[in-house]
PDB file of N, CA and C in Angstrom:
ATOM      1  N   UNK A   1      -0.216  12.768   5.012  1.00  0.00           N
ATOM      2  CA  UNK A   1      -1.216  12.450   4.078  1.00  0.00           C
ATOM      3  C   UNK A   1      -1.412  10.821   4.152  1.00  0.00           C
ATOM      4  N   UNK A   2      -2.785  10.616   3.930  1.00  0.00           N
ATOM      5  CA  UNK A   2      -3.118   9.066   4.011  1.00  0.00           C
ATOM      6  C   UNK A   2      -3.668   9.240   2.479  1.00  0.00           C
ATOM      7  N   UNK A   3      -3.444   8.254   1.738  1.00  0.00           N
ATOM      8  CA  UNK A   3      -4.006   7.780   0.437  1.00  0.00           C
ATOM      9  C   UNK A   3      -4.178   6.227   0.370  1.00  0.00           C
ATOM     10  N   UNK A   4      -5.324   6.106  -0.254  1.00  0.00           N
ATOM     11  CA  UNK A   4      -5.832   4.707  -0.351  1.00  0.00           C
ATOM     12  C   UNK A   4      -6.534   4.330  -1.804  1.00  0.00           C
ATOM     13  N   UNK A   5      -6.396   3.133  -2.221  1.00  0.00           N
ATOM     14  CA  UNK A   5      -7.136   2.705  -3.277  1.00  0.00           C
ATOM     15  C   UNK A   5      -8.626   2.053  -2.868  1.00  0.00           C
ATOM     16  N   UNK A   6      -8.723   1.713  -1.610  1.00  0.00           N
ATOM     17  CA  UNK A   6      -9.687   1.113  -0.866  1.00  0.00           C
ATOM     18  C   UNK A   6     -10.886   1.982  -0.659  1.00  0.00           C
ATOM     19  N   UNK A   7     -11.935   1.842  -1.222  1.00  0.00           N
ATOM     20  CA  UNK A   7     -13.095   2.587  -1.014  1.00  0.00           C
ATOM     21  C   UNK A   7     -13.641   2.765   0.209  1.00  0.00           C
ATOM     22  N   UNK A   8     -13.203   1.634   1.182  1.00  0.00           N
ATOM     23  CA  UNK A   8     -13.847   1.760   2.366  1.00  0.00           C
ATOM     24  C   UNK A   8     -12.732   2.420   3.420  1.00  0.00           C
ATOM     25  N   UNK A   9     -11.688   2.966   3.007  1.00  0.00           N
ATOM     26  CA  UNK A   9     -10.688   3.572   3.776  1.00  0.00           C
ATOM     27  C   UNK A   9     -11.014   5.092   3.935  1.00  0.00           C
ATOM     28  N   UNK A  10     -10.638   5.557   5.055  1.00  0.00           N
ATOM     29  CA  UNK A  10     -11.011   7.085   4.987  1.00  0.00           C
ATOM     30  C   UNK A  10      -9.974   7.987   4.202  1.00  0.00           C
ATOM     31  N   UNK A  11      -8.906   7.328   3.737  1.00  0.00           N
ATOM     32  CA  UNK A  11      -7.892   7.932   2.803  1.00  0.00           C
ATOM     33  C   UNK A  11      -8.016   7.611   1.455  1.00  0.00           C
ATOM     34  N   UNK A  12      -9.344   7.197   1.060  1.00  0.00           N
ATOM     35  CA  UNK A  12      -9.525   6.802  -0.310  1.00  0.00           C
ATOM     36  C   UNK A  12      -9.582   7.940  -1.280  1.00  0.00           C
ATOM     37  N   UNK A  13      -8.986   7.796  -2.425  1.00  0.00           N
ATOM     38  CA  UNK A  13      -8.872   8.842  -3.382  1.00  0.00           C
ATOM     39  C   UNK A  13      -9.083   8.232  -4.787  1.00  0.00           C
ATOM     40  N   UNK A  14      -9.834   8.547  -5.605  1.00  0.00           N
ATOM     41  CA  UNK A  14     -10.162   7.988  -6.950  1.00  0.00           C
ATOM     42  C   UNK A  14      -8.721   7.971  -7.702  1.00  0.00           C
ATOM     43  N   UNK A  15      -7.909   9.148  -7.502  1.00  0.00           N
ATOM     44  CA  UNK A  15      -6.659   9.234  -8.226  1.00  0.00           C
ATOM     45  C   UNK A  15      -5.418   8.465  -7.485  1.00  0.00           C
ATOM     46  N   UNK A  16      -5.709   7.672  -6.583  1.00  0.00           N
ATOM     47  CA  UNK A  16      -4.688   6.964  -5.667  1.00  0.00           C
ATOM     48  C   UNK A  16      -3.627   6.389  -6.485  1.00  0.00           C
ATOM     49  N   UNK A  17      -3.847   5.910  -7.572  1.00  0.00           N
ATOM     50  CA  UNK A  17      -3.002   5.026  -8.450  1.00  0.00           C
ATOM     51  C   UNK A  17      -2.038   5.994  -9.177  1.00  0.00           C
ATOM     52  N   UNK A  18      -2.134   7.405  -9.170  1.00  0.00           N
ATOM     53  CA  UNK A  18      -1.315   8.252  -9.539  1.00  0.00           C
ATOM     54  C   UNK A  18      -0.200   8.537  -8.742  1.00  0.00           C
ATOM     55  N   UNK A  19      -0.115   7.973  -7.490  1.00  0.00           N
ATOM     56  CA  UNK A  19       0.793   8.055  -6.626  1.00  0.00           C
ATOM     57  C   UNK A  19       1.711   6.781  -6.432  1.00  0.00           C
ATOM     58  N   UNK A  20       2.949   6.990  -5.797  1.00  0.00           N
ATOM     59  CA  UNK A  20       3.850   5.947  -5.619  1.00  0.00           C
ATOM     60  C   UNK A  20       4.294   6.148  -4.114  1.00  0.00           C
ATOM     61  N   UNK A  21       4.181   4.928  -3.444  1.00  0.00           N
ATOM     62  CA  UNK A  21       4.554   4.923  -1.708  1.00  0.00           C
ATOM     63  C   UNK A  21       5.898   4.540  -1.715  1.00  0.00           C
ATOM     64  N   UNK A  22       6.670   4.917  -0.826  1.00  0.00           N
ATOM     65  CA  UNK A  22       7.922   4.460  -0.466  1.00  0.00           C
ATOM     66  C   UNK A  22       8.125   4.116   1.060  1.00  0.00           C
ATOM     67  N   UNK A  23       8.670   2.967   1.433  1.00  0.00           N
ATOM     68  CA  UNK A  23       8.978   2.730   2.798  1.00  0.00           C
ATOM     69  C   UNK A  23      10.365   2.592   2.761  1.00  0.00           C
ATOM     70  N   UNK A  24      10.792   3.507   3.879  1.00  0.00           N
ATOM     71  CA  UNK A  24      12.453   3.545   4.141  1.00  0.00           C
ATOM     72  C   UNK A  24      13.156   3.574   2.972  1.00  0.00           C
ATOM     73  N   UNK A  25      12.593   4.482   1.957  1.00  0.00           N
ATOM     74  CA  UNK A  25      13.397   4.868   0.681  1.00  0.00           C
ATOM     75  C   UNK A  25      13.076   3.884  -0.467  1.00  0.00           C
ATOM     76  N   UNK A  26      12.428   2.795  -0.076  1.00  0.00           N
ATOM     77  CA  UNK A  26      12.308   1.684  -1.249  1.00  0.00           C
ATOM     78  C   UNK A  26      10.969   1.737  -1.537  1.00  0.00           C
ATOM     79  N   UNK A  27      10.753   1.594  -3.014  1.00  0.00           N
ATOM     80  CA  UNK A  27       9.364   1.703  -3.602  1.00  0.00           C
ATOM     81  C   UNK A  27       8.550   0.550  -3.131  1.00  0.00           C
ATOM     82  N   UNK A  28       7.376   0.654  -2.747  1.00  0.00           N
ATOM     83  CA  UNK A  28       6.344  -0.400  -2.176  1.00  0.00           C
ATOM     84  C   UNK A  28       5.580  -0.883  -3.552  1.00  0.00           C
ATOM     85  N   UNK A  29       5.543  -2.228  -3.803  1.00  0.00           N
ATOM     86  CA  UNK A  29       4.736  -2.822  -4.930  1.00  0.00           C
ATOM     87  C   UNK A  29       3.644  -3.325  -4.201  1.00  0.00           C
ATOM     88  N   UNK A  30       2.437  -3.063  -5.051  1.00  0.00           N
ATOM     89  CA  UNK A  30       1.174  -3.578  -4.540  1.00  0.00           C
ATOM     90  C   UNK A  30       0.517  -2.899  -3.262  1.00  0.00           C
ATOM     91  N   UNK A  31       0.806  -1.746  -3.283  1.00  0.00           N
ATOM     92  CA  UNK A  31       0.497  -0.815  -2.025  1.00  0.00           C
ATOM     93  C   UNK A  31      -0.931  -0.477  -2.339  1.00  0.00           C
ATOM     94  N   UNK A  32      -1.768  -0.673  -1.131  1.00  0.00           N
ATOM     95  CA  UNK A  32      -3.250  -0.310  -1.250  1.00  0.00           C
ATOM     96  C   UNK A  32      -3.458   1.005  -0.501  1.00  0.00           C
ATOM     97  N   UNK A  33      -2.906   1.289   0.814  1.00  0.00           N
ATOM     98  CA  UNK A  33      -2.840   2.372   1.480  1.00  0.00           C
ATOM     99  C   UNK A  33      -1.641   2.789   2.152  1.00  0.00           C
ATOM    100  N   UNK A  34      -1.275   3.960   1.992  1.00  0.00           N
ATOM    101  CA  UNK A  34      -0.090   4.560   2.743  1.00  0.00           C
ATOM    102  C   UNK A  34      -0.397   5.879   3.486  1.00  0.00           C
ATOM    103  N   UNK A  35       0.291   5.860   4.673  1.00  0.00           N
ATOM    104  CA  UNK A  35      -0.096   6.905   5.467  1.00  0.00           C
ATOM    105  C   UNK A  35       1.451   7.371   6.051  1.00  0.00           C
ATOM    106  N   UNK A  36       1.870   8.634   5.561  1.00  0.00           N
ATOM    107  CA  UNK A  36       3.127   9.053   5.950  1.00  0.00           C
ATOM    108  C   UNK A  36       3.144   9.738   7.445  1.00  0.00           C
ATOM    109  N   UNK A  37       2.011  10.073   7.863  1.00  0.00           N
ATOM    110  CA  UNK A  37       1.980  10.558   9.171  1.00  0.00           C
ATOM    111  C   UNK A  37       1.988   9.468  10.410  1.00  0.00           C
ATOM    112  N   UNK A  38       1.245   8.345  10.196  1.00  0.00           N
ATOM    113  CA  UNK A  38       1.190   7.213  10.914  1.00  0.00           C
ATOM    114  C   UNK A  38       2.302   6.439  10.602  1.00  0.00           C
ATOM    115  N   UNK A  39       3.117   6.611   9.518  1.00  0.00           N
ATOM    116  CA  UNK A  39       4.324   5.538   9.357  1.00  0.00           C
ATOM    117  C   UNK A  39       3.983   4.168   8.959  1.00  0.00           C
ATOM    118  N   UNK A  40       2.801   4.116   8.262  1.00  0.00           N
ATOM    119  CA  UNK A  40       2.416   2.679   7.808  1.00  0.00           C
ATOM    120  C   UNK A  40       1.920   2.738   6.507  1.00  0.00           C
ATOM    121  N   UNK A  41       1.760   1.344   5.793  1.00  0.00           N
ATOM    122  CA  UNK A  41       1.317   1.015   4.576  1.00  0.00           C
ATOM    123  C   UNK A  41       0.711  -0.417   4.582  1.00  0.00           C
ATOM    124  N   UNK A  42      -0.290  -0.515   3.754  1.00  0.00           N
ATOM    125  CA  UNK A  42      -1.040  -1.742   3.728  1.00  0.00           C
ATOM    126  C   UNK A  42      -0.533  -2.155   2.407  1.00  0.00           C
ATOM    127  N   UNK A  43      -0.129  -3.434   2.220  1.00  0.00           N
ATOM    128  CA  UNK A  43       0.143  -4.125   0.783  1.00  0.00           C
ATOM    129  C   UNK A  43      -0.385  -5.545   0.720  1.00  0.00           C
ATOM    130  N   UNK A  44      -0.783  -5.999  -0.429  1.00  0.00           N
ATOM    131  CA  UNK A  44      -0.993  -7.271  -0.971  1.00  0.00           C
ATOM    132  C   UNK A  44       0.542  -7.775  -0.952  1.00  0.00           C
ATOM    133  N   UNK A  45       0.737  -8.963  -0.522  1.00  0.00           N
ATOM    134  CA  UNK A  45       1.906  -9.644  -0.693  1.00  0.00           C
ATOM    135  C   UNK A  45       1.994 -10.799  -1.257  1.00  0.00           C
ATOM    136  N   UNK A  46       3.111 -11.216  -1.844  1.00  0.00           N
ATOM    137  CA  UNK A  46       3.284 -12.586  -2.832  1.00  0.00           C
ATOM    138  C   UNK A  46       3.858 -13.638  -1.637  1.00  0.00           C
ATOM    139  N   UNK A  47       3.500 -14.864  -2.027  1.00  0.00           N
ATOM    140  CA  UNK A  47       4.177 -15.916  -0.938  1.00  0.00           C
ATOM    141  C   UNK A  47       5.565 -16.314  -1.796  1.00  0.00           C
ATOM    142  N   UNK A  48       6.005 -17.378  -1.041  1.00  0.00           N
ATOM    143  CA  UNK A  48       7.446 -17.779  -1.546  1.00  0.00           C
ATOM    144  C   UNK A  48       7.343 -18.487  -2.822  1.00  0.00           C
ATOM    145  N   UNK A  49       6.265 -18.702  -3.532  1.00  0.00           N
ATOM    146  CA  UNK A  49       6.068 -19.141  -4.882  1.00  0.00           C
ATOM    147  C   UNK A  49       5.895 -18.044  -5.820  1.00  0.00           C
ATOM    148  N   UNK A  50       5.604 -17.054  -5.143  1.00  0.00           N
ATOM    149  CA  UNK A  50       5.675 -15.786  -6.169  1.00  0.00           C
ATOM    150  C   UNK A  50       4.262 -15.352  -6.455  1.00  0.00           C
ATOM    151  N   UNK A  51       3.261 -16.016  -5.969  1.00  0.00           N
ATOM    152  CA  UNK A  51       1.800 -15.691  -6.219  1.00  0.00           C
ATOM    153  C   UNK A  51       1.326 -14.848  -5.032  1.00  0.00           C
ATOM    154  N   UNK A  52       0.377 -14.052  -5.380  1.00  0.00           N
ATOM    155  CA  UNK A  52      -0.359 -13.447  -4.200  1.00  0.00           C
ATOM    156  C   UNK A  52      -0.892 -14.195  -2.976  1.00  0.00           C
ATOM    157  N   UNK A  53      -0.563 -13.978  -1.886  1.00  0.00           N
ATOM    158  CA  UNK A  53      -1.028 -14.835  -0.872  1.00  0.00           C
ATOM    159  C   UNK A  53      -2.434 -14.478  -0.558  1.00  0.00           C
ATOM    160  N   UNK A  54      -3.100 -15.603  -0.270  1.00  0.00           N
ATOM    161  CA  UNK A  54      -4.586 -15.512  -0.182  1.00  0.00           C
ATOM    162  C   UNK A  54      -5.084 -16.762   0.697  1.00  0.00           C
ATOM    163  N   UNK A  55      -6.350 -16.550   1.279  1.00  0.00           N
ATOM    164  CA  UNK A  55      -7.063 -17.511   2.005  1.00  0.00           C
ATOM    165  C   UNK A  55      -8.012 -18.537   1.331  1.00  0.00           C
ATOM    166  N   UNK A  56      -7.751 -18.279   0.038  1.00  0.00           N
ATOM    167  CA  UNK A  56      -8.842 -19.231  -0.798  1.00  0.00           C
ATOM    168  C   UNK A  56      -9.815 -18.337  -1.447  1.00  0.00           C
ATOM    169  N   UNK A  57     -10.038 -17.290  -0.826  1.00  0.00           N
ATOM    170  CA  UNK A  57     -11.119 -16.525  -1.115  1.00  0.00           C
ATOM    171  C   UNK A  57     -10.438 -14.989  -1.223  1.00  0.00           C
ATOM    172  N   UNK A  58      -9.762 -14.275  -0.500  1.00  0.00           N
ATOM    173  CA  UNK A  58      -9.340 -12.972  -0.301  1.00  0.00           C
ATOM    174  C   UNK A  58      -7.859 -12.847  -0.398  1.00  0.00           C
ATOM    175  N   UNK A  59      -7.454 -11.736  -1.039  1.00  0.00           N
ATOM    176  CA  UNK A  59      -5.873 -11.769  -1.062  1.00  0.00           C
ATOM    177  C   UNK A  59      -5.578 -11.089   0.354  1.00  0.00           C
ATOM    178  N   UNK A  60      -4.479 -11.730   0.809  1.00  0.00           N
ATOM    179  CA  UNK A  60      -4.031 -11.327   2.200  1.00  0.00           C
ATOM    180  C   UNK A  60      -3.261 -10.091   2.086  1.00  0.00           C
ATOM    181  N   UNK A  61      -3.266  -9.117   3.096  1.00  0.00           N
ATOM    182  CA  UNK A  61      -2.686  -7.936   3.254  1.00  0.00           C
ATOM    183  C   UNK A  61      -1.666  -8.083   4.559  1.00  0.00           C
ATOM    184  N   UNK A  62      -0.802  -7.034   4.521  1.00  0.00           N
ATOM    185  CA  UNK A  62       0.379  -7.054   5.448  1.00  0.00           C
ATOM    186  C   UNK A  62       0.439  -5.552   5.538  1.00  0.00           C
ATOM    187  N   UNK A  63       0.513  -5.380   6.970  1.00  0.00           N
ATOM    188  CA  UNK A  63       0.911  -3.702   7.378  1.00  0.00           C
ATOM    189  C   UNK A  63       2.400  -3.669   7.797  1.00  0.00           C
ATOM    190  N   UNK A  64       2.968  -2.776   6.866  1.00  0.00           N
ATOM    191  CA  UNK A  64       4.422  -2.383   7.309  1.00  0.00           C
ATOM    192  C   UNK A  64       4.596  -1.034   7.977  1.00  0.00           C
ATOM    193  N   UNK A  65       5.480  -0.941   8.635  1.00  0.00           N
ATOM    194  CA  UNK A  65       5.645   0.443   9.468  1.00  0.00           C
ATOM    195  C   UNK A  65       7.292   0.743   9.252  1.00  0.00           C
ATOM    196  N   UNK A  66       7.355   2.230   9.170  1.00  0.00           N
ATOM    197  CA  UNK A  66       8.578   2.804   8.805  1.00  0.00           C
ATOM    198  C   UNK A  66       8.347   4.132   8.434  1.00  0.00           C
ATOM    199  N   UNK A  67       9.458   4.648   7.629  1.00  0.00           N
ATOM    200  CA  UNK A  67       9.134   6.256   7.272  1.00  0.00           C
ATOM    201  C   UNK A  67       8.659   5.811   5.890  1.00  0.00           C
ATOM    202  N   UNK A  68       7.428   6.568   5.800  1.00  0.00           N
ATOM    203  CA  UNK A  68       6.722   6.599   4.641  1.00  0.00           C
ATOM    204  C   UNK A  68       6.666   7.794   3.852  1.00  0.00           C
ATOM    205  N   UNK A  69       6.822   7.619   2.378  1.00  0.00           N
ATOM    206  CA  UNK A  69       6.959   8.884   1.718  1.00  0.00           C
ATOM    207  C   UNK A  69       5.897   8.453   0.449  1.00  0.00           C
ATOM    208  N   UNK A  70       4.983   9.577   0.168  1.00  0.00           N
ATOM    209  CA  UNK A  70       4.199   9.418  -1.062  1.00  0.00           C
ATOM    210  C   UNK A  70       4.532  10.568  -2.027  1.00  0.00           C
ATOM    211  N   UNK A  71       4.533  10.196  -3.236  1.00  0.00           N
ATOM    212  CA  UNK A  71       5.019  10.818  -4.299  1.00  0.00           C
ATOM    213  C   UNK A  71       4.064  10.633  -5.532  1.00  0.00           C
ATOM    214  N   UNK A  72       3.689  11.913  -5.965  1.00  0.00           N
ATOM    215  CA  UNK A  72       2.985  11.956  -7.285  1.00  0.00           C
ATOM    216  C   UNK A  72       3.660  11.708  -8.360  1.00  0.00           C
ATOM    217  N   UNK A  73       3.168  10.763  -9.104  1.00  0.00           N
ATOM    218  CA  UNK A  73       3.929  10.325 -10.550  1.00  0.00           C
ATOM    219  C   UNK A  73       3.752  11.565 -11.301  1.00  0.00           C
ATOM    220  N   UNK A  74       4.881  11.751 -12.262  1.00  0.00           N
ATOM    221  CA  UNK A  74       4.879  12.637 -13.352  1.00  0.00           C
ATOM    222  C   UNK A  74       3.895  12.367 -14.423  1.00  0.00           C
TER     223      UNK A  74
END
């Protein structure tokens, strides 16, 4: 399953925020897209100062790879 909060992503779902993604058993924070079949997740990440990384205009994204699990929240 692929699920995303990004309207331009093929996995976009309006209810995507009702799901939590895990990478290798650890909860992902600030996850935008998760795909358990491809084993990848796209996140916004924070810099060493604890602020969201950006290029001055756009938040930067990082793609992580591993075992992805997507769970619907209770």
